[in-house]
Amino acid sequence: MGRGMGSQALTEKTEEDLWRAYRKGKDASIRDRLVRQYLPLVKYVAGKLAVGMPQNVEFDDLVSYGVFGLFDAIEKFDPDKHVKFKTYAVTRIRGSIFDQLRQMDWVPRSIRQKTRELEETVRRLEATLGRSASDQEIAKELGVTLKEFEQLVLKISGTTVLSLNDVWYSGEDHDRMSIGDSIESPKTRNPDAIVEKDEIKRVIVEAINELPDKEKKVLVLYYYEDLTLKEIGAILGVTESRISQLHTKAIVRLRGKLTSVKKGIM
């Protein structure tokens, strides 16, 4: 068999051959085939992110935003680095979706303000306590009842996915990551096994490890095991609403812990 780019040869190529051929010649027919092959991945990521988004954010729009990330991933993927394309592409697709959402400024100003106030309160309180603050302690610091605090958490829950995927830069223009990318596997006990010698990632993982067990478990199941909030609720034996609260509180704690660090680095 020849190794030209005719349709028969293209069909017979392995995926690895396709990647190497595309890296070498940037053939449009190979790129289009890769796009078709991985388009379901864009829909999967968009579907996962659509859960909890405000009603004005359409699923089809998320898919459209994600396609840009897929193109970017295809252009920059290096098969010689021994990383699965799906793993690499998910980060690019998710990042592209959030980039577009930021440009839309889709989070209401009032919600943004409440989120910042809660993050700052939690950061200040936990710095004073030297440990994770309880719901009762946070509510008292805010000057609200426990029920009012829980309602506040639910109100801002639709924005916390975006918060978790805020981009951090580790020194290189192309080396982008998010807090979500640094969630460790529950099977991995040593953070050194899952992070590079990078200060930002070290700080992120350290902050995650300091979370209360239930909140950390929700993050791991959602971002690492790829489960929905409903599925996590079934596993932990609580309602989806409760899981949403735990998820939101985990992100608020992380954002509070990392805000000062991020400002110092940026």
C-alpha atoms as a PDB file:
ATOM      1  CA  MET A   1       0.000   0.000   0.000  1.00  0.00           C
ATOM      2  CA  GLY A   2       1.216   3.518  -0.752  1.00  0.00           C
ATOM      3  CA  ARG A   3       1.252   6.167   1.918  1.00  0.00           C
ATOM      4  CA  GLY A   4      -0.137   9.022  -0.171  1.00  0.00           C
ATOM      5  CA  MET A   5      -3.099  11.105   0.892  1.00  0.00           C
ATOM      6  CA  GLY A   6      -5.677   9.421  -1.347  1.00  0.00           C
ATOM      7  CA  SER A   7      -8.995   8.478   0.275  1.00  0.00           C
ATOM      8  CA  GLN A   8      -8.151   4.772   0.473  1.00  0.00           C
ATOM      9  CA  ALA A   9      -4.781   5.410   2.078  1.00  0.00           C
ATOM     10  CA  LEU A  10      -6.369   7.884   4.491  1.00  0.00           C
ATOM     11  CA  THR A  11      -8.927   5.294   5.584  1.00  0.00           C
ATOM     12  CA  GLU A  12      -6.252   2.688   6.245  1.00  0.00           C
ATOM     13  CA  LYS A  13      -4.042   4.892   8.374  1.00  0.00           C
ATOM     14  CA  THR A  14      -3.940   4.375  12.106  1.00  0.00           C
ATOM     15  CA  GLU A  15      -4.722   7.348  14.317  1.00  0.00           C
ATOM     16  CA  GLU A  16      -1.051   7.696  15.194  1.00  0.00           C
ATOM     17  CA  ASP A  17      -0.151   7.755  11.496  1.00  0.00           C
ATOM     18  CA  LEU A  18      -2.764  10.447  10.928  1.00  0.00           C
ATOM     19  CA  TRP A  19      -1.363  12.662  13.659  1.00  0.00           C
ATOM     20  CA  ARG A  20       2.180  12.325  12.405  1.00  0.00           C
ATOM     21  CA  ALA A  21       1.111  12.969   8.819  1.00  0.00           C
ATOM     22  CA  TYR A  22      -0.830  16.064   9.873  1.00  0.00           C
ATOM     23  CA  ARG A  23       2.050  17.388  11.946  1.00  0.00           C
ATOM     24  CA  LYS A  24       4.291  16.977   8.922  1.00  0.00           C
ATOM     25  CA  GLY A  25       2.130  18.388   6.125  1.00  0.00           C
ATOM     26  CA  LYS A  26      -0.917  20.102   7.721  1.00  0.00           C
ATOM     27  CA  ASP A  27      -3.122  18.395   5.145  1.00  0.00           C
ATOM     28  CA  ALA A  28      -6.644  19.865   5.276  1.00  0.00           C
ATOM     29  CA  SER A  29      -8.307  16.509   4.548  1.00  0.00           C
ATOM     30  CA  ILE A  30      -6.634  14.962   7.605  1.00  0.00           C
ATOM     31  CA  ARG A  31      -7.589  17.936   9.768  1.00  0.00           C
ATOM     32  CA  ASP A  32     -11.228  17.661   8.669  1.00  0.00           C
ATOM     33  CA  ARG A  33     -11.261  13.970   9.473  1.00  0.00           C
ATOM     34  CA  LEU A  34      -9.833  14.637  12.938  1.00  0.00           C
ATOM     35  CA  VAL A  35     -12.454  17.337  13.541  1.00  0.00           C
ATOM     36  CA  ARG A  36     -15.272  14.936  12.602  1.00  0.00           C
ATOM     37  CA  GLN A  37     -13.778  12.199  14.745  1.00  0.00           C
ATOM     38  CA  TYR A  38     -13.522  14.357  17.856  1.00  0.00           C
ATOM     39  CA  LEU A  39     -16.635  16.521  17.487  1.00  0.00           C
ATOM     40  CA  PRO A  40     -18.535  14.244  19.940  1.00  0.00           C
ATOM     41  CA  LEU A  41     -15.891  15.193  22.523  1.00  0.00           C
ATOM     42  CA  VAL A  42     -16.856  18.866  22.124  1.00  0.00           C
ATOM     43  CA  LYS A  43     -20.519  17.990  22.640  1.00  0.00           C
ATOM     44  CA  TYR A  44     -19.637  15.941  25.703  1.00  0.00           C
ATOM     45  CA  VAL A  45     -17.665  18.787  27.320  1.00  0.00           C
ATOM     46  CA  ALA A  46     -20.365  21.324  26.413  1.00  0.00           C
ATOM     47  CA  GLY A  47     -23.072  19.079  27.852  1.00  0.00           C
ATOM     48  CA  LYS A  48     -21.198  18.659  31.104  1.00  0.00           C
ATOM     49  CA  LEU A  49     -20.624  22.391  31.454  1.00  0.00           C
ATOM     50  CA  ALA A  50     -24.225  23.237  30.523  1.00  0.00           C
ATOM     51  CA  VAL A  51     -25.423  21.734  33.804  1.00  0.00           C
ATOM     52  CA  GLY A  52     -26.030  24.586  36.222  1.00  0.00           C
ATOM     53  CA  MET A  53     -25.503  27.322  33.633  1.00  0.00           C
ATOM     54  CA  PRO A  54     -28.084  30.143  33.499  1.00  0.00           C
ATOM     55  CA  GLN A  55     -30.937  29.654  31.030  1.00  0.00           C
ATOM     56  CA  ASN A  56     -29.560  32.340  28.723  1.00  0.00           C
ATOM     57  CA  VAL A  57     -26.542  30.132  27.960  1.00  0.00           C
ATOM     58  CA  GLU A  58     -27.542  27.793  25.115  1.00  0.00           C
ATOM     59  CA  PHE A  59     -26.022  24.320  24.658  1.00  0.00           C
ATOM     60  CA  ASP A  60     -25.512  24.907  20.923  1.00  0.00           C
ATOM     61  CA  ASP A  61     -23.560  28.080  21.695  1.00  0.00           C
ATOM     62  CA  LEU A  62     -21.303  26.154  24.066  1.00  0.00           C
ATOM     63  CA  VAL A  63     -20.649  23.606  21.316  1.00  0.00           C
ATOM     64  CA  SER A  64     -19.788  26.382  18.863  1.00  0.00           C
ATOM     65  CA  TYR A  65     -17.342  27.898  21.349  1.00  0.00           C
ATOM     66  CA  GLY A  66     -15.824  24.486  22.009  1.00  0.00           C
ATOM     67  CA  VAL A  67     -15.173  23.805  18.322  1.00  0.00           C
ATOM     68  CA  PHE A  68     -12.658  26.662  18.330  1.00  0.00           C
ATOM     69  CA  GLY A  69     -10.849  24.864  21.125  1.00  0.00           C
ATOM     70  CA  LEU A  70     -10.882  21.615  19.168  1.00  0.00           C
ATOM     71  CA  PHE A  71      -9.264  23.323  16.168  1.00  0.00           C
ATOM     72  CA  ASP A  72      -6.673  24.848  18.491  1.00  0.00           C
ATOM     73  CA  ALA A  73      -5.956  21.446  20.053  1.00  0.00           C
ATOM     74  CA  ILE A  74      -5.549  19.783  16.659  1.00  0.00           C
ATOM     75  CA  GLU A  75      -3.142  22.493  15.527  1.00  0.00           C
ATOM     76  CA  LYS A  76      -0.962  22.299  18.644  1.00  0.00           C
ATOM     77  CA  PHE A  77      -1.111  18.616  19.598  1.00  0.00           C
ATOM     78  CA  ASP A  78       2.229  16.829  19.581  1.00  0.00           C
ATOM     79  CA  PRO A  79       1.872  13.015  19.463  1.00  0.00           C
ATOM     80  CA  ASP A  80       5.525  12.632  20.485  1.00  0.00           C
ATOM     81  CA  LYS A  81       4.750  13.906  23.993  1.00  0.00           C
ATOM     82  CA  HIS A  82       2.878  10.669  24.791  1.00  0.00           C
ATOM     83  CA  VAL A  83      -0.245  12.418  26.011  1.00  0.00           C
ATOM     84  CA  LYS A  84      -3.635  11.180  24.820  1.00  0.00           C
ATOM     85  CA  PHE A  85      -5.268  13.663  22.480  1.00  0.00           C
ATOM     86  CA  LYS A  86      -8.592  13.445  24.332  1.00  0.00           C
ATOM     87  CA  THR A  87      -6.902  14.480  27.572  1.00  0.00           C
ATOM     88  CA  TYR A  88      -5.136  17.373  25.851  1.00  0.00           C
ATOM     89  CA  ALA A  89      -8.185  18.454  23.867  1.00  0.00           C
ATOM     90  CA  VAL A  90     -10.608  18.584  26.795  1.00  0.00           C
ATOM     91  CA  THR A  91      -8.561  21.352  28.421  1.00  0.00           C
ATOM     92  CA  ARG A  92      -8.445  23.351  25.172  1.00  0.00           C
ATOM     93  CA  ILE A  93     -12.148  22.852  24.468  1.00  0.00           C
ATOM     94  CA  ARG A  94     -13.159  23.820  27.985  1.00  0.00           C
ATOM     95  CA  GLY A  95     -10.832  26.824  27.910  1.00  0.00           C
ATOM     96  CA  SER A  96     -12.279  28.026  24.613  1.00  0.00           C
ATOM     97  CA  ILE A  97     -15.828  27.817  25.977  1.00  0.00           C
ATOM     98  CA  PHE A  98     -14.935  29.818  29.077  1.00  0.00           C
ATOM     99  CA  ASP A  99     -13.001  32.400  27.052  1.00  0.00           C
ATOM    100  CA  GLN A 100     -16.153  33.089  25.058  1.00  0.00           C
ATOM    101  CA  LEU A 101     -18.356  33.182  28.169  1.00  0.00           C
ATOM    102  CA  ARG A 102     -16.030  35.746  29.743  1.00  0.00           C
ATOM    103  CA  GLN A 103     -16.288  37.933  26.663  1.00  0.00           C
ATOM    104  CA  MET A 104     -20.096  37.729  26.935  1.00  0.00           C
ATOM    105  CA  ASP A 105     -19.853  38.846  30.580  1.00  0.00           C
ATOM    106  CA  TRP A 106     -22.761  36.501  31.271  1.00  0.00           C
ATOM    107  CA  VAL A 107     -22.579  36.627  35.071  1.00  0.00           C
ATOM    108  CA  PRO A 108     -24.921  39.291  36.521  1.00  0.00           C
ATOM    109  CA  ARG A 109     -23.046  42.074  38.309  1.00  0.00           C
ATOM    110  CA  SER A 110     -24.967  41.527  41.557  1.00  0.00           C
ATOM    111  CA  ILE A 111     -23.998  37.831  41.631  1.00  0.00           C
ATOM    112  CA  ARG A 112     -20.382  38.678  40.864  1.00  0.00           C
ATOM    113  CA  GLN A 113     -20.323  41.100  43.773  1.00  0.00           C
ATOM    114  CA  LYS A 114     -21.885  38.613  46.194  1.00  0.00           C
ATOM    115  CA  THR A 115     -19.371  35.969  45.100  1.00  0.00           C
ATOM    116  CA  ARG A 116     -16.427  38.294  45.693  1.00  0.00           C
ATOM    117  CA  GLU A 117     -17.784  39.269  49.119  1.00  0.00           C
ATOM    118  CA  LEU A 118     -18.205  35.622  50.108  1.00  0.00           C
ATOM    119  CA  GLU A 119     -14.726  34.690  48.836  1.00  0.00           C
ATOM    120  CA  GLU A 120     -13.129  37.538  50.785  1.00  0.00           C
ATOM    121  CA  THR A 121     -15.068  36.677  53.952  1.00  0.00           C
ATOM    122  CA  VAL A 122     -14.056  33.013  53.775  1.00  0.00           C
ATOM    123  CA  ARG A 123     -10.429  33.912  53.006  1.00  0.00           C
ATOM    124  CA  ARG A 124     -10.204  36.311  55.960  1.00  0.00           C
ATOM    125  CA  LEU A 125     -12.012  33.982  58.366  1.00  0.00           C
ATOM    126  CA  GLU A 126      -9.983  30.882  57.497  1.00  0.00           C
ATOM    127  CA  ALA A 127      -6.720  32.837  57.658  1.00  0.00           C
ATOM    128  CA  THR A 128      -7.671  33.839  61.211  1.00  0.00           C
ATOM    129  CA  LEU A 129      -8.841  30.364  62.229  1.00  0.00           C
ATOM    130  CA  GLY A 130      -5.994  28.505  60.547  1.00  0.00           C
ATOM    131  CA  ARG A 131      -8.450  25.868  59.298  1.00  0.00           C
ATOM    132  CA  SER A 132     -11.561  25.456  57.154  1.00  0.00           C
ATOM    133  CA  ALA A 133     -14.482  27.454  58.525  1.00  0.00           C
ATOM    134  CA  SER A 134     -17.815  25.768  59.200  1.00  0.00           C
ATOM    135  CA  ASP A 135     -21.054  26.940  57.581  1.00  0.00           C
ATOM    136  CA  GLN A 136     -22.170  28.358  60.920  1.00  0.00           C
ATOM    137  CA  GLU A 137     -18.942  30.341  61.309  1.00  0.00           C
ATOM    138  CA  ILE A 138     -19.159  31.753  57.781  1.00  0.00           C
ATOM    139  CA  ALA A 139     -22.813  32.696  58.246  1.00  0.00           C
ATOM    140  CA  LYS A 140     -22.000  34.453  61.533  1.00  0.00           C
ATOM    141  CA  GLU A 141     -19.140  36.368  59.895  1.00  0.00           C
ATOM    142  CA  LEU A 142     -21.485  37.452  57.096  1.00  0.00           C
ATOM    143  CA  GLY A 143     -24.137  38.499  59.610  1.00  0.00           C
ATOM    144  CA  VAL A 144     -26.801  36.185  58.181  1.00  0.00           C
ATOM    145  CA  THR A 145     -28.673  33.093  59.344  1.00  0.00           C
ATOM    146  CA  LEU A 146     -27.529  29.626  58.321  1.00  0.00           C
ATOM    147  CA  LYS A 147     -30.545  29.308  56.034  1.00  0.00           C
ATOM    148  CA  GLU A 148     -29.750  32.651  54.362  1.00  0.00           C
ATOM    149  CA  PHE A 149     -26.149  31.508  53.865  1.00  0.00           C
ATOM    150  CA  GLU A 150     -27.312  28.286  52.181  1.00  0.00           C
ATOM    151  CA  GLN A 151     -29.603  30.287  49.885  1.00  0.00           C
ATOM    152  CA  LEU A 152     -26.690  32.561  48.973  1.00  0.00           C
ATOM    153  CA  VAL A 153     -24.534  29.558  48.102  1.00  0.00           C
ATOM    154  CA  LEU A 154     -27.248  28.180  45.824  1.00  0.00           C
ATOM    155  CA  LYS A 155     -27.716  31.579  44.173  1.00  0.00           C
ATOM    156  CA  ILE A 156     -24.075  31.811  43.117  1.00  0.00           C
ATOM    157  CA  SER A 157     -23.676  28.108  42.269  1.00  0.00           C
ATOM    158  CA  GLY A 158     -24.230  28.695  38.552  1.00  0.00           C
ATOM    159  CA  THR A 159     -21.095  30.841  38.343  1.00  0.00           C
ATOM    160  CA  THR A 160     -18.639  28.644  40.216  1.00  0.00           C
ATOM    161  CA  VAL A 161     -17.790  26.368  37.284  1.00  0.00           C
ATOM    162  CA  LEU A 162     -16.441  29.400  35.468  1.00  0.00           C
ATOM    163  CA  SER A 163     -14.586  30.468  38.594  1.00  0.00           C
ATOM    164  CA  LEU A 164     -12.851  27.114  38.881  1.00  0.00           C
ATOM    165  CA  ASN A 165     -11.712  27.293  35.292  1.00  0.00           C
ATOM    166  CA  ASP A 166     -10.135  30.733  35.527  1.00  0.00           C
ATOM    167  CA  VAL A 167      -6.887  30.505  33.616  1.00  0.00           C
ATOM    168  CA  TRP A 168      -3.547  30.624  35.374  1.00  0.00           C
ATOM    169  CA  TYR A 169      -0.305  31.120  33.456  1.00  0.00           C
ATOM    170  CA  SER A 170       2.896  29.413  34.567  1.00  0.00           C
ATOM    171  CA  GLY A 171       5.398  31.525  32.685  1.00  0.00           C
ATOM    172  CA  GLU A 172       4.860  30.462  29.080  1.00  0.00           C
ATOM    173  CA  ASP A 173       2.211  31.970  26.824  1.00  0.00           C
ATOM    174  CA  HIS A 174       1.071  28.517  25.737  1.00  0.00           C
ATOM    175  CA  ASP A 175       1.302  26.938  29.190  1.00  0.00           C
ATOM    176  CA  ARG A 176      -2.209  27.601  30.438  1.00  0.00           C
ATOM    177  CA  MET A 177      -3.965  25.703  33.166  1.00  0.00           C
ATOM    178  CA  SER A 178      -6.887  26.065  35.491  1.00  0.00           C
ATOM    179  CA  ILE A 179      -7.614  25.047  39.039  1.00  0.00           C
ATOM    180  CA  GLY A 180      -9.790  22.298  37.589  1.00  0.00           C
ATOM    181  CA  ASP A 181      -6.834  20.887  35.661  1.00  0.00           C
ATOM    182  CA  SER A 182      -4.978  20.428  38.955  1.00  0.00           C
ATOM    183  CA  ILE A 183      -7.583  18.336  40.769  1.00  0.00           C
ATOM    184  CA  GLU A 184      -5.701  15.258  41.913  1.00  0.00           C
ATOM    185  CA  SER A 185      -6.732  11.656  41.508  1.00  0.00           C
ATOM    186  CA  PRO A 186      -8.163  10.089  44.668  1.00  0.00           C
ATOM    187  CA  LYS A 187      -5.781   7.193  44.009  1.00  0.00           C
ATOM    188  CA  THR A 188      -2.768   9.518  44.197  1.00  0.00           C
ATOM    189  CA  ARG A 189      -1.577  10.394  47.677  1.00  0.00           C
ATOM    190  CA  ASN A 190       1.605  12.250  46.771  1.00  0.00           C
ATOM    191  CA  PRO A 191       1.033  15.607  45.034  1.00  0.00           C
ATOM    192  CA  ASP A 192       4.513  15.316  43.484  1.00  0.00           C
ATOM    193  CA  ALA A 193       3.198  12.426  41.408  1.00  0.00           C
ATOM    194  CA  ILE A 194       0.608  14.587  39.679  1.00  0.00           C
ATOM    195  CA  VAL A 195       2.200  18.001  39.362  1.00  0.00           C
ATOM    196  CA  GLU A 196       5.276  19.316  37.667  1.00  0.00           C
ATOM    197  CA  LYS A 197       7.882  21.436  39.449  1.00  0.00           C
ATOM    198  CA  ASP A 198       5.681  24.431  39.080  1.00  0.00           C
ATOM    199  CA  GLU A 199       4.853  26.778  41.941  1.00  0.00           C
ATOM    200  CA  ILE A 200       1.330  27.595  40.782  1.00  0.00           C
ATOM    201  CA  LYS A 201       0.300  23.972  40.470  1.00  0.00           C
ATOM    202  CA  ARG A 202       1.873  23.233  43.842  1.00  0.00           C
ATOM    203  CA  VAL A 203      -0.127  26.001  45.486  1.00  0.00           C
ATOM    204  CA  ILE A 204      -3.351  24.868  43.800  1.00  0.00           C
ATOM    205  CA  VAL A 205      -2.955  21.246  44.877  1.00  0.00           C
ATOM    206  CA  GLU A 206      -2.023  22.343  48.396  1.00  0.00           C
ATOM    207  CA  ALA A 207      -5.174  24.453  48.601  1.00  0.00           C
ATOM    208  CA  ILE A 208      -7.299  21.556  47.323  1.00  0.00           C
ATOM    209  CA  ASN A 209      -5.802  19.213  49.910  1.00  0.00           C
ATOM    210  CA  GLU A 210      -6.815  21.632  52.679  1.00  0.00           C
ATOM    211  CA  LEU A 211     -10.500  21.465  51.756  1.00  0.00           C
ATOM    212  CA  PRO A 212     -12.976  19.611  53.997  1.00  0.00           C
ATOM    213  CA  ASP A 213     -13.195  15.960  52.937  1.00  0.00           C
ATOM    214  CA  LYS A 214     -16.719  16.112  51.498  1.00  0.00           C
ATOM    215  CA  GLU A 215     -15.958  19.180  49.385  1.00  0.00           C
ATOM    216  CA  LYS A 216     -12.712  17.695  48.111  1.00  0.00           C
ATOM    217  CA  LYS A 217     -14.498  14.451  47.248  1.00  0.00           C
ATOM    218  CA  VAL A 218     -17.101  16.345  45.205  1.00  0.00           C
ATOM    219  CA  LEU A 219     -14.372  18.129  43.230  1.00  0.00           C
ATOM    220  CA  VAL A 220     -12.515  14.896  42.530  1.00  0.00           C
ATOM    221  CA  LEU A 221     -15.664  13.064  41.415  1.00  0.00           C
ATOM    222  CA  TYR A 222     -16.805  15.986  39.245  1.00  0.00           C
ATOM    223  CA  TYR A 223     -13.557  17.039  37.583  1.00  0.00           C
ATOM    224  CA  TYR A 224     -11.466  13.862  37.693  1.00  0.00           C
ATOM    225  CA  GLU A 225     -14.008  11.055  37.567  1.00  0.00           C
ATOM    226  CA  ASP A 226     -16.193  13.116  35.192  1.00  0.00           C
ATOM    227  CA  LEU A 227     -19.463  12.474  37.049  1.00  0.00           C
ATOM    228  CA  THR A 228     -22.439  14.839  37.025  1.00  0.00           C
ATOM    229  CA  LEU A 229     -23.665  16.496  40.222  1.00  0.00           C
ATOM    230  CA  LYS A 230     -26.701  14.200  40.126  1.00  0.00           C
ATOM    231  CA  GLU A 231     -24.504  11.085  39.878  1.00  0.00           C
ATOM    232  CA  ILE A 232     -22.313  12.314  42.729  1.00  0.00           C
ATOM    233  CA  GLY A 233     -25.425  12.866  44.837  1.00  0.00           C
ATOM    234  CA  ALA A 234     -26.491   9.261  44.224  1.00  0.00           C
ATOM    235  CA  ILE A 235     -23.049   7.998  45.269  1.00  0.00           C
ATOM    236  CA  LEU A 236     -22.896  10.098  48.436  1.00  0.00           C
ATOM    237  CA  GLY A 237     -26.572   9.580  49.271  1.00  0.00           C
ATOM    238  CA  VAL A 238     -27.587  13.244  49.240  1.00  0.00           C
ATOM    239  CA  THR A 239     -29.596  15.493  46.917  1.00  0.00           C
ATOM    240  CA  GLU A 240     -28.204  17.130  43.797  1.00  0.00           C
ATOM    241  CA  SER A 241     -28.894  20.483  45.446  1.00  0.00           C
ATOM    242  CA  ARG A 242     -26.683  19.508  48.392  1.00  0.00           C
ATOM    243  CA  ILE A 243     -23.885  18.475  46.035  1.00  0.00           C
ATOM    244  CA  SER A 244     -24.225  21.807  44.253  1.00  0.00           C
ATOM    245  CA  GLN A 245     -23.790  23.566  47.599  1.00  0.00           C
ATOM    246  CA  LEU A 246     -20.706  21.516  48.460  1.00  0.00           C
ATOM    247  CA  HIS A 247     -19.238  22.209  45.031  1.00  0.00           C
ATOM    248  CA  THR A 248     -19.840  25.938  45.359  1.00  0.00           C
ATOM    249  CA  LYS A 249     -18.378  26.144  48.868  1.00  0.00           C
ATOM    250  CA  ALA A 250     -15.274  24.264  47.701  1.00  0.00           C
ATOM    251  CA  ILE A 251     -14.737  26.742  44.864  1.00  0.00           C
ATOM    252  CA  VAL A 252     -15.317  29.735  47.125  1.00  0.00           C
ATOM    253  CA  ARG A 253     -12.682  28.418  49.537  1.00  0.00           C
ATOM    254  CA  LEU A 254     -10.210  27.783  46.717  1.00  0.00           C
ATOM    255  CA  ARG A 255     -10.765  31.170  45.147  1.00  0.00           C
ATOM    256  CA  GLY A 256     -10.328  32.864  48.502  1.00  0.00           C
ATOM    257  CA  LYS A 257      -7.096  30.997  49.222  1.00  0.00           C
ATOM    258  CA  LEU A 258      -5.615  31.612  45.787  1.00  0.00           C
ATOM    259  CA  THR A 259      -6.590  35.226  45.135  1.00  0.00           C
ATOM    260  CA  SER A 260      -3.635  36.754  46.953  1.00  0.00           C
ATOM    261  CA  VAL A 261      -1.245  34.185  45.503  1.00  0.00           C
ATOM    262  CA  LYS A 262      -2.481  34.864  41.978  1.00  0.00           C
ATOM    263  CA  LYS A 263      -2.078  38.615  42.395  1.00  0.00           C
ATOM    264  CA  GLY A 264       1.479  38.116  43.568  1.00  0.00           C
ATOM    265  CA  ILE A 265       2.338  35.947  40.561  1.00  0.00           C
ATOM    266  CA  MET A 266       0.521  37.976  37.923  1.00  0.00           C
END
